[in-house]
Amino acid sequence: MLYKIAFTDILVFMKSKFPVLLIVLSVVLFTSCAALFAKYNRYMTEWQGHKEDEVYLVYGPPMRAQDLEDGRKIIAYDFASSGGDATNFCEVKFILEGGIVSTANYRGNFGAVERFVRGPGNAN
């Protein structure tokens, strides 16, 4: 009988506290992810105002490039790495105006972002 009471108490506790626990865990995970990506967001912001050649010194020649009709240029880099069962992908893209970076951004899985996204002066 003692076992049934203890088990019932646990079930009642879980039913009443589970939504709160789920919300707390969600907030913790969301803020953790935001903190992890903050460094890489800062790297992309730091690229603004740098010369096109500086991008090449860090990333090498672009994998894709496109001149736009309005005079801007887009250069992009695609990276992929695999480990275990997962393949990680990351795209890093720069928009240049007059040979100067006006916008830089990235998208992809954290494993690839962590490995491939770099700021100015972070050549490996």
PDB file of N, CA and C in Angstrom:
ATOM      1  N   MET A   1       0.814  -1.192   0.000  1.00  0.00           N
ATOM      2  CA  MET A   1       0.000   0.000   0.000  1.00  0.00           C
ATOM      3  C   MET A   1       0.864   1.265   0.000  1.00  0.00           C
ATOM      4  N   LEU A   2       1.976   1.225   0.709  1.00  0.00           N
ATOM      5  CA  LEU A   2       2.879   2.367   0.764  1.00  0.00           C
ATOM      6  C   LEU A   2       3.408   2.695  -0.639  1.00  0.00           C
ATOM      7  N   TYR A   3       3.718   1.672  -1.432  1.00  0.00           N
ATOM      8  CA  TYR A   3       4.205   1.871  -2.789  1.00  0.00           C
ATOM      9  C   TYR A   3       3.164   2.566  -3.653  1.00  0.00           C
ATOM     10  N   LYS A   4       1.913   2.169  -3.555  1.00  0.00           N
ATOM     11  CA  LYS A   4       0.848   2.789  -4.341  1.00  0.00           C
ATOM     12  C   LYS A   4       0.672   4.255  -3.974  1.00  0.00           C
ATOM     13  N   ILE A   5       0.736   4.576  -2.703  1.00  0.00           N
ATOM     14  CA  ILE A   5       0.569   5.966  -2.269  1.00  0.00           C
ATOM     15  C   ILE A   5       1.721   6.814  -2.812  1.00  0.00           C
ATOM     16  N   ALA A   6       2.934   6.314  -2.699  1.00  0.00           N
ATOM     17  CA  ALA A   6       4.087   7.062  -3.181  1.00  0.00           C
ATOM     18  C   ALA A   6       3.990   7.262  -4.694  1.00  0.00           C
ATOM     19  N   PHE A   7       3.614   6.230  -5.418  1.00  0.00           N
ATOM     20  CA  PHE A   7       3.495   6.338  -6.870  1.00  0.00           C
ATOM     21  C   PHE A   7       2.383   7.310  -7.249  1.00  0.00           C
ATOM     22  N   THR A   8       1.263   7.248  -6.555  1.00  0.00           N
ATOM     23  CA  THR A   8       0.150   8.162  -6.804  1.00  0.00           C
ATOM     24  C   THR A   8       0.569   9.600  -6.527  1.00  0.00           C
ATOM     25  N   ASP A   9       1.302   9.798  -5.450  1.00  0.00           N
ATOM     26  CA  ASP A   9       1.788  11.145  -5.126  1.00  0.00           C
ATOM     27  C   ASP A   9       2.698  11.687  -6.232  1.00  0.00           C
ATOM     28  N   ILE A  10       3.515  10.825  -6.774  1.00  0.00           N
ATOM     29  CA  ILE A  10       4.409  11.245  -7.855  1.00  0.00           C
ATOM     30  C   ILE A  10       3.593  11.629  -9.087  1.00  0.00           C
ATOM     31  N   LEU A  11       2.582  10.838  -9.418  1.00  0.00           N
ATOM     32  CA  LEU A  11       1.744  11.146 -10.571  1.00  0.00           C
ATOM     33  C   LEU A  11       1.011  12.474 -10.393  1.00  0.00           C
ATOM     34  N   VAL A  12       0.485  12.717  -9.202  1.00  0.00           N
ATOM     35  CA  VAL A  12      -0.223  13.975  -8.936  1.00  0.00           C
ATOM     36  C   VAL A  12       0.762  15.141  -9.050  1.00  0.00           C
ATOM     37  N   PHE A  13       1.944  14.978  -8.498  1.00  0.00           N
ATOM     38  CA  PHE A  13       2.954  16.026  -8.569  1.00  0.00           C
ATOM     39  C   PHE A  13       3.322  16.322 -10.026  1.00  0.00           C
ATOM     40  N   MET A  14       3.552  15.270 -10.814  1.00  0.00           N
ATOM     41  CA  MET A  14       3.940  15.450 -12.209  1.00  0.00           C
ATOM     42  C   MET A  14       2.842  16.146 -13.012  1.00  0.00           C
ATOM     43  N   LYS A  15       1.585  15.763 -12.767  1.00  0.00           N
ATOM     44  CA  LYS A  15       0.483  16.386 -13.499  1.00  0.00           C
ATOM     45  C   LYS A  15       0.346  17.861 -13.153  1.00  0.00           C
ATOM     46  N   SER A  16       0.582  18.228 -11.914  1.00  0.00           N
ATOM     47  CA  SER A  16       0.404  19.615 -11.505  1.00  0.00           C
ATOM     48  C   SER A  16       1.623  20.477 -11.835  1.00  0.00           C
ATOM     49  N   LYS A  17       2.805  19.908 -11.826  1.00  0.00           N
ATOM     50  CA  LYS A  17       4.030  20.688 -12.023  1.00  0.00           C
ATOM     51  C   LYS A  17       4.628  20.556 -13.424  1.00  0.00           C
ATOM     52  N   PHE A  18       4.191  19.575 -14.203  1.00  0.00           N
ATOM     53  CA  PHE A  18       4.791  19.336 -15.505  1.00  0.00           C
ATOM     54  C   PHE A  18       4.726  20.545 -16.436  1.00  0.00           C
ATOM     55  N   PRO A  19       3.565  21.221 -16.572  1.00  0.00           N
ATOM     56  CA  PRO A  19       3.527  22.389 -17.461  1.00  0.00           C
ATOM     57  C   PRO A  19       4.520  23.484 -17.043  1.00  0.00           C
ATOM     58  N   VAL A  20       4.641  23.716 -15.753  1.00  0.00           N
ATOM     59  CA  VAL A  20       5.580  24.730 -15.272  1.00  0.00           C
ATOM     60  C   VAL A  20       7.010  24.298 -15.572  1.00  0.00           C
ATOM     61  N   LEU A  21       7.308  23.039 -15.316  1.00  0.00           N
ATOM     62  CA  LEU A  21       8.641  22.509 -15.580  1.00  0.00           C
ATOM     63  C   LEU A  21       8.976  22.592 -17.066  1.00  0.00           C
ATOM     64  N   LEU A  22       8.013  22.274 -17.913  1.00  0.00           N
ATOM     65  CA  LEU A  22       8.208  22.338 -19.352  1.00  0.00           C
ATOM     66  C   LEU A  22       8.491  23.771 -19.802  1.00  0.00           C
ATOM     67  N   ILE A  23       7.788  24.730 -19.284  1.00  0.00           N
ATOM     68  CA  ILE A  23       8.007  26.140 -19.625  1.00  0.00           C
ATOM     69  C   ILE A  23       9.392  26.584 -19.181  1.00  0.00           C
ATOM     70  N   VAL A  24       9.776  26.238 -17.971  1.00  0.00           N
ATOM     71  CA  VAL A  24      11.092  26.620 -17.459  1.00  0.00           C
ATOM     72  C   VAL A  24      12.203  26.019 -18.316  1.00  0.00           C
ATOM     73  N   LEU A  25      12.090  24.733 -18.647  1.00  0.00           N
ATOM     74  CA  LEU A  25      13.100  24.096 -19.485  1.00  0.00           C
ATOM     75  C   LEU A  25      13.162  24.721 -20.876  1.00  0.00           C
ATOM     76  N   SER A  26      12.018  25.076 -21.432  1.00  0.00           N
ATOM     77  CA  SER A  26      11.979  25.715 -22.748  1.00  0.00           C
ATOM     78  C   SER A  26      12.694  27.062 -22.722  1.00  0.00           C
ATOM     79  N   VAL A  27      12.447  27.851 -21.696  1.00  0.00           N
ATOM     80  CA  VAL A  27      13.097  29.158 -21.569  1.00  0.00           C
ATOM     81  C   VAL A  27      14.608  28.986 -21.426  1.00  0.00           C
ATOM     82  N   VAL A  28      15.026  28.035 -20.610  1.00  0.00           N
ATOM     83  CA  VAL A  28      16.459  27.785 -20.415  1.00  0.00           C
ATOM     84  C   VAL A  28      17.109  27.365 -21.735  1.00  0.00           C
ATOM     85  N   LEU A  29      16.491  26.467 -22.468  1.00  0.00           N
ATOM     86  CA  LEU A  29      17.048  26.025 -23.747  1.00  0.00           C
ATOM     87  C   LEU A  29      17.098  27.156 -24.763  1.00  0.00           C
ATOM     88  N   PHE A  30      16.043  27.958 -24.828  1.00  0.00           N
ATOM     89  CA  PHE A  30      16.008  29.068 -25.779  1.00  0.00           C
ATOM     90  C   PHE A  30      17.102  30.081 -25.485  1.00  0.00           C
ATOM     91  N   THR A  31      17.260  30.463 -24.233  1.00  0.00           N
ATOM     92  CA  THR A  31      18.291  31.444 -23.889  1.00  0.00           C
ATOM     93  C   THR A  31      19.685  30.868 -24.071  1.00  0.00           C
ATOM     94  N   SER A  32      19.855  29.578 -23.840  1.00  0.00           N
ATOM     95  CA  SER A  32      21.157  28.942 -24.067  1.00  0.00           C
ATOM     96  C   SER A  32      21.534  28.990 -25.542  1.00  0.00           C
ATOM     97  N   CYS A  33      20.572  28.686 -26.407  1.00  0.00           N
ATOM     98  CA  CYS A  33      20.839  28.731 -27.847  1.00  0.00           C
ATOM     99  C   CYS A  33      21.150  30.154 -28.290  1.00  0.00           C
ATOM    100  N   ALA A  34      20.403  31.117 -27.795  1.00  0.00           N
ATOM    101  CA  ALA A  34      20.649  32.513 -28.150  1.00  0.00           C
ATOM    102  C   ALA A  34      22.051  32.930 -27.717  1.00  0.00           C
ATOM    103  N   ALA A  35      22.477  32.507 -26.547  1.00  0.00           N
ATOM    104  CA  ALA A  35      23.814  32.847 -26.057  1.00  0.00           C
ATOM    105  C   ALA A  35      24.887  32.182 -26.920  1.00  0.00           C
ATOM    106  N   LEU A  36      24.650  30.947 -27.349  1.00  0.00           N
ATOM    107  CA  LEU A  36      25.623  30.257 -28.193  1.00  0.00           C
ATOM    108  C   LEU A  36      25.821  30.967 -29.526  1.00  0.00           C
ATOM    109  N   PHE A  37      24.741  31.436 -30.127  1.00  0.00           N
ATOM    110  CA  PHE A  37      24.829  32.085 -31.428  1.00  0.00           C
ATOM    111  C   PHE A  37      25.234  33.557 -31.333  1.00  0.00           C
ATOM    112  N   ALA A  38      25.207  34.164 -30.158  1.00  0.00           N
ATOM    113  CA  ALA A  38      25.536  35.584 -29.997  1.00  0.00           C
ATOM    114  C   ALA A  38      26.933  35.899 -30.516  1.00  0.00           C
ATOM    115  N   LYS A  39      27.888  35.035 -30.250  1.00  0.00           N
ATOM    116  CA  LYS A  39      29.269  35.246 -30.706  1.00  0.00           C
ATOM    117  C   LYS A  39      29.325  35.305 -32.233  1.00  0.00           C
ATOM    118  N   TYR A  40      28.610  34.424 -32.903  1.00  0.00           N
ATOM    119  CA  TYR A  40      28.657  34.361 -34.356  1.00  0.00           C
ATOM    120  C   TYR A  40      27.869  35.511 -34.988  1.00  0.00           C
ATOM    121  N   ASN A  41      26.804  35.949 -34.315  1.00  0.00           N
ATOM    122  CA  ASN A  41      26.088  37.140 -34.770  1.00  0.00           C
ATOM    123  C   ASN A  41      27.004  38.356 -34.692  1.00  0.00           C
ATOM    124  N   ARG A  42      27.784  38.433 -33.618  1.00  0.00           N
ATOM    125  CA  ARG A  42      28.726  39.548 -33.450  1.00  0.00           C
ATOM    126  C   ARG A  42      29.790  39.513 -34.553  1.00  0.00           C
ATOM    127  N   TYR A  43      30.282  38.325 -34.878  1.00  0.00           N
ATOM    128  CA  TYR A  43      31.254  38.212 -35.972  1.00  0.00           C
ATOM    129  C   TYR A  43      30.695  38.806 -37.258  1.00  0.00           C
ATOM    130  N   MET A  44      29.451  38.490 -37.576  1.00  0.00           N
ATOM    131  CA  MET A  44      28.866  38.980 -38.818  1.00  0.00           C
ATOM    132  C   MET A  44      28.711  40.500 -38.797  1.00  0.00           C
ATOM    133  N   THR A  45      28.338  41.045 -37.657  1.00  0.00           N
ATOM    134  CA  THR A  45      28.220  42.502 -37.529  1.00  0.00           C
ATOM    135  C   THR A  45      29.582  43.165 -37.691  1.00  0.00           C
ATOM    136  N   GLU A  46      30.634  42.537 -37.164  1.00  0.00           N
ATOM    137  CA  GLU A  46      31.983  43.099 -37.256  1.00  0.00           C
ATOM    138  C   GLU A  46      32.479  43.194 -38.693  1.00  0.00           C
ATOM    139  N   TRP A  47      31.938  42.394 -39.597  1.00  0.00           N
ATOM    140  CA  TRP A  47      32.376  42.439 -40.993  1.00  0.00           C
ATOM    141  C   TRP A  47      31.960  43.723 -41.695  1.00  0.00           C
ATOM    142  N   GLN A  48      30.913  44.371 -41.247  1.00  0.00           N
ATOM    143  CA  GLN A  48      30.422  45.579 -41.921  1.00  0.00           C
ATOM    144  C   GLN A  48      31.526  46.637 -41.972  1.00  0.00           C
ATOM    145  N   GLY A  49      31.752  47.169 -43.175  1.00  0.00           N
ATOM    146  CA  GLY A  49      32.770  48.200 -43.366  1.00  0.00           C
ATOM    147  C   GLY A  49      34.134  47.663 -43.759  1.00  0.00           C
ATOM    148  N   HIS A  50      34.317  46.345 -43.754  1.00  0.00           N
ATOM    149  CA  HIS A  50      35.606  45.761 -44.148  1.00  0.00           C
ATOM    150  C   HIS A  50      35.665  45.572 -45.661  1.00  0.00           C
ATOM    151  N   LYS A  51      36.890  45.551 -46.193  1.00  0.00           N
ATOM    152  CA  LYS A  51      37.101  45.400 -47.625  1.00  0.00           C
ATOM    153  C   LYS A  51      36.872  43.953 -48.070  1.00  0.00           C
ATOM    154  N   GLU A  52      36.489  43.830 -49.330  1.00  0.00           N
ATOM    155  CA  GLU A  52      36.251  42.517 -49.940  1.00  0.00           C
ATOM    156  C   GLU A  52      37.486  41.621 -49.808  1.00  0.00           C
ATOM    157  N   ASP A  53      38.668  42.180 -50.015  1.00  0.00           N
ATOM    158  CA  ASP A  53      39.901  41.397 -49.912  1.00  0.00           C
ATOM    159  C   ASP A  53      40.090  40.799 -48.522  1.00  0.00           C
ATOM    160  N   GLU A  54      39.619  41.489 -47.489  1.00  0.00           N
ATOM    161  CA  GLU A  54      39.738  40.969 -46.128  1.00  0.00           C
ATOM    162  C   GLU A  54      38.885  39.710 -45.948  1.00  0.00           C
ATOM    163  N   VAL A  55      37.733  39.690 -46.611  1.00  0.00           N
ATOM    164  CA  VAL A  55      36.887  38.490 -46.570  1.00  0.00           C
ATOM    165  C   VAL A  55      37.645  37.324 -47.198  1.00  0.00           C
ATOM    166  N   TYR A  56      38.301  37.585 -48.338  1.00  0.00           N
ATOM    167  CA  TYR A  56      39.044  36.536 -49.022  1.00  0.00           C
ATOM    168  C   TYR A  56      40.211  36.026 -48.183  1.00  0.00           C
ATOM    169  N   LEU A  57      40.840  36.914 -47.420  1.00  0.00           N
ATOM    170  CA  LEU A  57      41.953  36.486 -46.577  1.00  0.00           C
ATOM    171  C   LEU A  57      41.503  35.535 -45.474  1.00  0.00           C
ATOM    172  N   VAL A  58      40.257  35.684 -45.002  1.00  0.00           N
ATOM    173  CA  VAL A  58      39.733  34.812 -43.946  1.00  0.00           C
ATOM    174  C   VAL A  58      39.075  33.566 -44.527  1.00  0.00           C
ATOM    175  N   TYR A  59      38.254  33.728 -45.560  1.00  0.00           N
ATOM    176  CA  TYR A  59      37.465  32.617 -46.093  1.00  0.00           C
ATOM    177  C   TYR A  59      38.012  32.005 -47.384  1.00  0.00           C
ATOM    178  N   GLY A  60      38.931  32.693 -48.046  1.00  0.00           N
ATOM    179  CA  GLY A  60      39.415  32.218 -49.333  1.00  0.00           C
ATOM    180  C   GLY A  60      38.506  32.695 -50.457  1.00  0.00           C
ATOM    181  N   PRO A  61      38.723  32.187 -51.673  1.00  0.00           N
ATOM    182  CA  PRO A  61      37.867  32.612 -52.785  1.00  0.00           C
ATOM    183  C   PRO A  61      36.428  32.141 -52.556  1.00  0.00           C
ATOM    184  N   PRO A  62      35.459  32.950 -52.965  1.00  0.00           N
ATOM    185  CA  PRO A  62      34.065  32.559 -52.730  1.00  0.00           C
ATOM    186  C   PRO A  62      33.674  31.342 -53.565  1.00  0.00           C
ATOM    187  N   MET A  63      32.757  30.575 -53.021  1.00  0.00           N
ATOM    188  CA  MET A  63      32.237  29.415 -53.734  1.00  0.00           C
ATOM    189  C   MET A  63      31.167  29.832 -54.743  1.00  0.00           C
ATOM    190  N   ARG A  64      30.501  30.938 -54.431  1.00  0.00           N
ATOM    191  CA  ARG A  64      29.494  31.505 -55.333  1.00  0.00           C
ATOM    192  C   ARG A  64      29.632  33.021 -55.292  1.00  0.00           C
ATOM    193  N   ALA A  65      29.446  33.663 -56.442  1.00  0.00           N
ATOM    194  CA  ALA A  65      29.486  35.126 -56.506  1.00  0.00           C
ATOM    195  C   ALA A  65      28.483  35.587 -57.560  1.00  0.00           C
ATOM    196  N   GLN A  66      27.874  36.720 -57.305  1.00  0.00           N
ATOM    197  CA  GLN A  66      26.882  37.254 -58.231  1.00  0.00           C
ATOM    198  C   GLN A  66      26.939  38.771 -58.196  1.00  0.00           C
ATOM    199  N   ASP A  67      27.113  39.389 -59.374  1.00  0.00           N
ATOM    200  CA  ASP A  67      27.027  40.843 -59.485  1.00  0.00           C
ATOM    201  C   ASP A  67      25.573  41.203 -59.724  1.00  0.00           C
ATOM    202  N   LEU A  68      25.060  42.151 -58.954  1.00  0.00           N
ATOM    203  CA  LEU A  68      23.676  42.583 -59.101  1.00  0.00           C
ATOM    204  C   LEU A  68      23.602  43.806 -60.002  1.00  0.00           C
ATOM    205  N   GLU A  69      22.446  44.041 -60.602  1.00  0.00           N
ATOM    206  CA  GLU A  69      22.264  45.169 -61.514  1.00  0.00           C
ATOM    207  C   GLU A  69      22.487  46.513 -60.837  1.00  0.00           C
ATOM    208  N   ASP A  70      22.211  46.593 -59.537  1.00  0.00           N
ATOM    209  CA  ASP A  70      22.357  47.870 -58.831  1.00  0.00           C
ATOM    210  C   ASP A  70      23.797  48.157 -58.393  1.00  0.00           C
ATOM    211  N   GLY A  71      24.749  47.303 -58.809  1.00  0.00           N
ATOM    212  CA  GLY A  71      26.156  47.525 -58.490  1.00  0.00           C
ATOM    213  C   GLY A  71      26.653  46.745 -57.285  1.00  0.00           C
ATOM    214  N   ARG A  72      25.743  46.185 -56.512  1.00  0.00           N
ATOM    215  CA  ARG A  72      26.174  45.377 -55.370  1.00  0.00           C
ATOM    216  C   ARG A  72      26.652  44.018 -55.849  1.00  0.00           C
ATOM    217  N   LYS A  73      27.374  43.336 -54.975  1.00  0.00           N
ATOM    218  CA  LYS A  73      27.893  42.010 -55.283  1.00  0.00           C
ATOM    219  C   LYS A  73      27.603  41.102 -54.097  1.00  0.00           C
ATOM    220  N   ILE A  74      27.218  39.868 -54.382  1.00  0.00           N
ATOM    221  CA  ILE A  74      26.993  38.878 -53.332  1.00  0.00           C
ATOM    222  C   ILE A  74      28.077  37.819 -53.477  1.00  0.00           C
ATOM    223  N   ILE A  75      28.750  37.507 -52.368  1.00  0.00           N
ATOM    224  CA  ILE A  75      29.666  36.368 -52.357  1.00  0.00           C
ATOM    225  C   ILE A  75      29.205  35.427 -51.245  1.00  0.00           C
ATOM    226  N   ALA A  76      29.329  34.140 -51.504  1.00  0.00           N
ATOM    227  CA  ALA A  76      28.810  33.164 -50.550  1.00  0.00           C
ATOM    228  C   ALA A  76      29.746  31.966 -50.441  1.00  0.00           C
ATOM    229  N   TYR A  77      29.689  31.370 -49.260  1.00  0.00           N
ATOM    230  CA  TYR A  77      30.485  30.194 -48.935  1.00  0.00           C
ATOM    231  C   TYR A  77      29.554  29.131 -48.359  1.00  0.00           C
ATOM    232  N   ASP A  78      29.689  27.912 -48.830  1.00  0.00           N
ATOM    233  CA  ASP A  78      28.902  26.788 -48.321  1.00  0.00           C
ATOM    234  C   ASP A  78      29.853  25.792 -47.669  1.00  0.00           C
ATOM    235  N   PHE A  79      29.519  25.403 -46.464  1.00  0.00           N
ATOM    236  CA  PHE A  79      30.346  24.457 -45.730  1.00  0.00           C
ATOM    237  C   PHE A  79      29.485  23.291 -45.258  1.00  0.00           C
ATOM    238  N   ALA A  80      30.066  22.120 -45.258  1.00  0.00           N
ATOM    239  CA  ALA A  80      29.379  20.944 -44.732  1.00  0.00           C
ATOM    240  C   ALA A  80      30.410  20.079 -44.013  1.00  0.00           C
ATOM    241  N   SER A  81      29.975  19.488 -42.937  1.00  0.00           N
ATOM    242  CA  SER A  81      30.827  18.553 -42.211  1.00  0.00           C
ATOM    243  C   SER A  81      29.938  17.453 -41.657  1.00  0.00           C
ATOM    244  N   SER A  82      30.473  16.262 -41.615  1.00  0.00           N
ATOM    245  CA  SER A  82      29.686  15.171 -41.058  1.00  0.00           C
ATOM    246  C   SER A  82      30.423  14.544 -39.897  1.00  0.00           C
ATOM    247  N   GLY A  83      29.641  14.078 -38.983  1.00  0.00           N
ATOM    248  CA  GLY A  83      30.171  13.388 -37.822  1.00  0.00           C
ATOM    249  C   GLY A  83      29.073  12.509 -37.249  1.00  0.00           C
ATOM    250  N   GLY A  84      29.365  11.246 -37.079  1.00  0.00           N
ATOM    251  CA  GLY A  84      28.333  10.344 -36.580  1.00  0.00           C
ATOM    252  C   GLY A  84      27.229  10.190 -37.594  1.00  0.00           C
ATOM    253  N   ASP A  85      26.010  10.377 -37.147  1.00  0.00           N
ATOM    254  CA  ASP A  85      24.844  10.229 -38.018  1.00  0.00           C
ATOM    255  C   ASP A  85      24.398  11.546 -38.635  1.00  0.00           C
ATOM    256  N   ALA A  86      25.029  12.666 -38.249  1.00  0.00           N
ATOM    257  CA  ALA A  86      24.536  13.973 -38.668  1.00  0.00           C
ATOM    258  C   ALA A  86      25.479  14.635 -39.668  1.00  0.00           C
ATOM    259  N   THR A  87      24.895  15.361 -40.604  1.00  0.00           N
ATOM    260  CA  THR A  87      25.647  16.220 -41.501  1.00  0.00           C
ATOM    261  C   THR A  87      25.294  17.649 -41.137  1.00  0.00           C
ATOM    262  N   ASN A  88      26.307  18.457 -40.882  1.00  0.00           N
ATOM    263  CA  ASN A  88      26.099  19.855 -40.523  1.00  0.00           C
ATOM    264  C   ASN A  88      26.381  20.727 -41.735  1.00  0.00           C
ATOM    265  N   PHE A  89      25.549  21.742 -41.913  1.00  0.00           N
ATOM    266  CA  PHE A  89      25.646  22.634 -43.054  1.00  0.00           C
ATOM    267  C   PHE A  89      25.658  24.077 -42.575  1.00  0.00           C
ATOM    268  N   CYS A  90      26.422  24.899 -43.266  1.00  0.00           N
ATOM    269  CA  CYS A  90      26.449  26.326 -42.939  1.00  0.00           C
ATOM    270  C   CYS A  90      26.689  27.113 -44.225  1.00  0.00           C
ATOM    271  N   GLU A  91      25.940  28.200 -44.392  1.00  0.00           N
ATOM    272  CA  GLU A  91      26.150  29.127 -45.490  1.00  0.00           C
ATOM    273  C   GLU A  91      26.523  30.476 -44.887  1.00  0.00           C
ATOM    274  N   VAL A  92      27.595  31.070 -45.405  1.00  0.00           N
ATOM    275  CA  VAL A  92      28.014  32.407 -44.992  1.00  0.00           C
ATOM    276  C   VAL A  92      27.927  33.287 -46.234  1.00  0.00           C
ATOM    277  N   LYS A  93      27.216  34.423 -46.112  1.00  0.00           N
ATOM    278  CA  LYS A  93      26.963  35.275 -47.272  1.00  0.00           C
ATOM    279  C   LYS A  93      27.315  36.722 -46.953  1.00  0.00           C
ATOM    280  N   PHE A  94      27.958  37.386 -47.913  1.00  0.00           N
ATOM    281  CA  PHE A  94      28.326  38.791 -47.779  1.00  0.00           C
ATOM    282  C   PHE A  94      27.726  39.580 -48.934  1.00  0.00           C
ATOM    283  N   ILE A  95      27.194  40.754 -48.632  1.00  0.00           N
ATOM    284  CA  ILE A  95      26.753  41.678 -49.670  1.00  0.00           C
ATOM    285  C   ILE A  95      27.735  42.841 -49.640  1.00  0.00           C
ATOM    286  N   LEU A  96      28.301  43.132 -50.828  1.00  0.00           N
ATOM    287  CA  LEU A  96      29.336  44.156 -50.954  1.00  0.00           C
ATOM    288  C   LEU A  96      28.821  45.327 -51.778  1.00  0.00           C
ATOM    289  N   GLU A  97      29.175  46.524 -51.364  1.00  0.00           N
ATOM    290  CA  GLU A  97      28.868  47.737 -52.117  1.00  0.00           C
ATOM    291  C   GLU A  97      30.179  48.481 -52.323  1.00  0.00           C
ATOM    292  N   GLY A  98      30.603  48.589 -53.578  1.00  0.00           N
ATOM    293  CA  GLY A  98      31.868  49.251 -53.865  1.00  0.00           C
ATOM    294  C   GLY A  98      33.059  48.545 -53.233  1.00  0.00           C
ATOM    295  N   GLY A  99      33.004  47.230 -53.137  1.00  0.00           N
ATOM    296  CA  GLY A  99      34.098  46.458 -52.578  1.00  0.00           C
ATOM    297  C   GLY A  99      34.164  46.460 -51.060  1.00  0.00           C
ATOM    298  N   ILE A 100      33.112  46.986 -50.404  1.00  0.00           N
ATOM    299  CA  ILE A 100      33.046  47.057 -48.939  1.00  0.00           C
ATOM    300  C   ILE A 100      31.853  46.232 -48.462  1.00  0.00           C
ATOM    301  N   VAL A 101      32.033  45.464 -47.398  1.00  0.00           N
ATOM    302  CA  VAL A 101      30.953  44.643 -46.846  1.00  0.00           C
ATOM    303  C   VAL A 101      29.879  45.553 -46.244  1.00  0.00           C
ATOM    304  N   SER A 102      28.659  45.422 -46.760  1.00  0.00           N
ATOM    305  CA  SER A 102      27.539  46.177 -46.181  1.00  0.00           C
ATOM    306  C   SER A 102      26.686  45.273 -45.288  1.00  0.00           C
ATOM    307  N   THR A 103      26.613  44.000 -45.641  1.00  0.00           N
ATOM    308  CA  THR A 103      25.826  43.045 -44.867  1.00  0.00           C
ATOM    309  C   THR A 103      26.553  41.699 -44.877  1.00  0.00           C
ATOM    310  N   ALA A 104      26.514  41.029 -43.737  1.00  0.00           N
ATOM    311  CA  ALA A 104      27.062  39.676 -43.646  1.00  0.00           C
ATOM    312  C   ALA A 104      26.101  38.852 -42.791  1.00  0.00           C
ATOM    313  N   ASN A 105      25.831  37.641 -43.225  1.00  0.00           N
ATOM    314  CA  ASN A 105      24.967  36.774 -42.423  1.00  0.00           C
ATOM    315  C   ASN A 105      25.320  35.312 -42.658  1.00  0.00           C
ATOM    316  N   TYR A 106      24.754  34.489 -41.829  1.00  0.00           N
ATOM    317  CA  TYR A 106      24.982  33.052 -41.913  1.00  0.00           C
ATOM    318  C   TYR A 106      23.696  32.333 -41.568  1.00  0.00           C
ATOM    319  N   ARG A 107      23.647  31.075 -41.949  1.00  0.00           N
ATOM    320  CA  ARG A 107      22.561  30.194 -41.521  1.00  0.00           C
ATOM    321  C   ARG A 107      23.096  28.781 -41.534  1.00  0.00           C
ATOM    322  N   GLY A 108      22.559  27.964 -40.655  1.00  0.00           N
ATOM    323  CA  GLY A 108      22.979  26.581 -40.641  1.00  0.00           C
ATOM    324  C   GLY A 108      22.917  25.947 -39.268  1.00  0.00           C
ATOM    325  N   ASN A 109      23.384  24.719 -39.202  1.00  0.00           N
ATOM    326  CA  ASN A 109      23.413  23.962 -37.959  1.00  0.00           C
ATOM    327  C   ASN A 109      24.525  24.484 -37.062  1.00  0.00           C
ATOM    328  N   PHE A 110      24.313  24.409 -35.756  1.00  0.00           N
ATOM    329  CA  PHE A 110      25.301  24.951 -34.825  1.00  0.00           C
ATOM    330  C   PHE A 110      26.670  24.309 -34.997  1.00  0.00           C
ATOM    331  N   GLY A 111      26.731  23.010 -35.224  1.00  0.00           N
ATOM    332  CA  GLY A 111      28.022  22.340 -35.381  1.00  0.00           C
ATOM    333  C   GLY A 111      28.850  22.934 -36.504  1.00  0.00           C
ATOM    334  N   ALA A 112      28.212  23.249 -37.625  1.00  0.00           N
ATOM    335  CA  ALA A 112      28.923  23.849 -38.756  1.00  0.00           C
ATOM    336  C   ALA A 112      29.183  25.329 -38.509  1.00  0.00           C
ATOM    337  N   VAL A 113      28.218  26.028 -37.929  1.00  0.00           N
ATOM    338  CA  VAL A 113      28.401  27.452 -37.625  1.00  0.00           C
ATOM    339  C   VAL A 113      29.615  27.623 -36.718  1.00  0.00           C
ATOM    340  N   GLU A 114      29.674  26.814 -35.681  1.00  0.00           N
ATOM    341  CA  GLU A 114      30.770  26.895 -34.721  1.00  0.00           C
ATOM    342  C   GLU A 114      32.118  26.660 -35.403  1.00  0.00           C
ATOM    343  N   ARG A 115      32.131  25.791 -36.360  1.00  0.00           N
ATOM    344  CA  ARG A 115      33.387  25.433 -37.019  1.00  0.00           C
ATOM    345  C   ARG A 115      33.802  26.412 -38.110  1.00  0.00           C
ATOM    346  N   PHE A 116      32.836  27.008 -38.839  1.00  0.00           N
ATOM    347  CA  PHE A 116      33.171  27.757 -40.039  1.00  0.00           C
ATOM    348  C   PHE A 116      32.929  29.263 -39.984  1.00  0.00           C
ATOM    349  N   VAL A 117      32.072  29.766 -39.122  1.00  0.00           N
ATOM    350  CA  VAL A 117      31.790  31.205 -39.094  1.00  0.00           C
ATOM    351  C   VAL A 117      32.915  31.916 -38.347  1.00  0.00           C
ATOM    352  N   ARG A 118      33.512  32.902 -39.011  1.00  0.00           N
ATOM    353  CA  ARG A 118      34.630  33.643 -38.429  1.00  0.00           C
ATOM    354  C   ARG A 118      34.434  35.134 -38.633  1.00  0.00           C
ATOM    355  N   GLY A 119      35.006  35.881 -37.745  1.00  0.00           N
ATOM    356  CA  GLY A 119      34.992  37.331 -37.875  1.00  0.00           C
ATOM    357  C   GLY A 119      36.251  37.817 -38.542  1.00  0.00           C
ATOM    358  N   PRO A 120      36.342  39.133 -38.809  1.00  0.00           N
ATOM    359  CA  PRO A 120      37.558  39.682 -39.410  1.00  0.00           C
ATOM    360  C   PRO A 120      38.752  39.391 -38.502  1.00  0.00           C
ATOM    361  N   GLY A 121      39.843  39.008 -39.080  1.00  0.00           N
ATOM    362  CA  GLY A 121      41.033  38.717 -38.294  1.00  0.00           C
ATOM    363  C   GLY A 121      41.029  37.343 -37.644  1.00  0.00           C
ATOM    364  N   ASN A 122      40.025  36.507 -37.965  1.00  0.00           N
ATOM    365  CA  ASN A 122      39.948  35.154 -37.386  1.00  0.00           C
ATOM    366  C   ASN A 122      40.313  34.084 -38.403  1.00  0.00           C
ATOM    367  N   ALA A 123      41.275  34.348 -39.239  1.00  0.00           N
ATOM    368  CA  ALA A 123      41.697  33.342 -40.233  1.00  0.00           C
ATOM    369  C   ALA A 123      42.330  32.168 -39.510  1.00  0.00           C
ATOM    370  N   ASN A 124      42.061  30.979 -39.996  1.00  0.00           N
ATOM    371  CA  ASN A 124      42.653  29.757 -39.407  1.00  0.00           C
ATOM    372  C   ASN A 124      43.749  29.222 -40.267  1.00  0.00           C
TER     373      ASN A 124
END
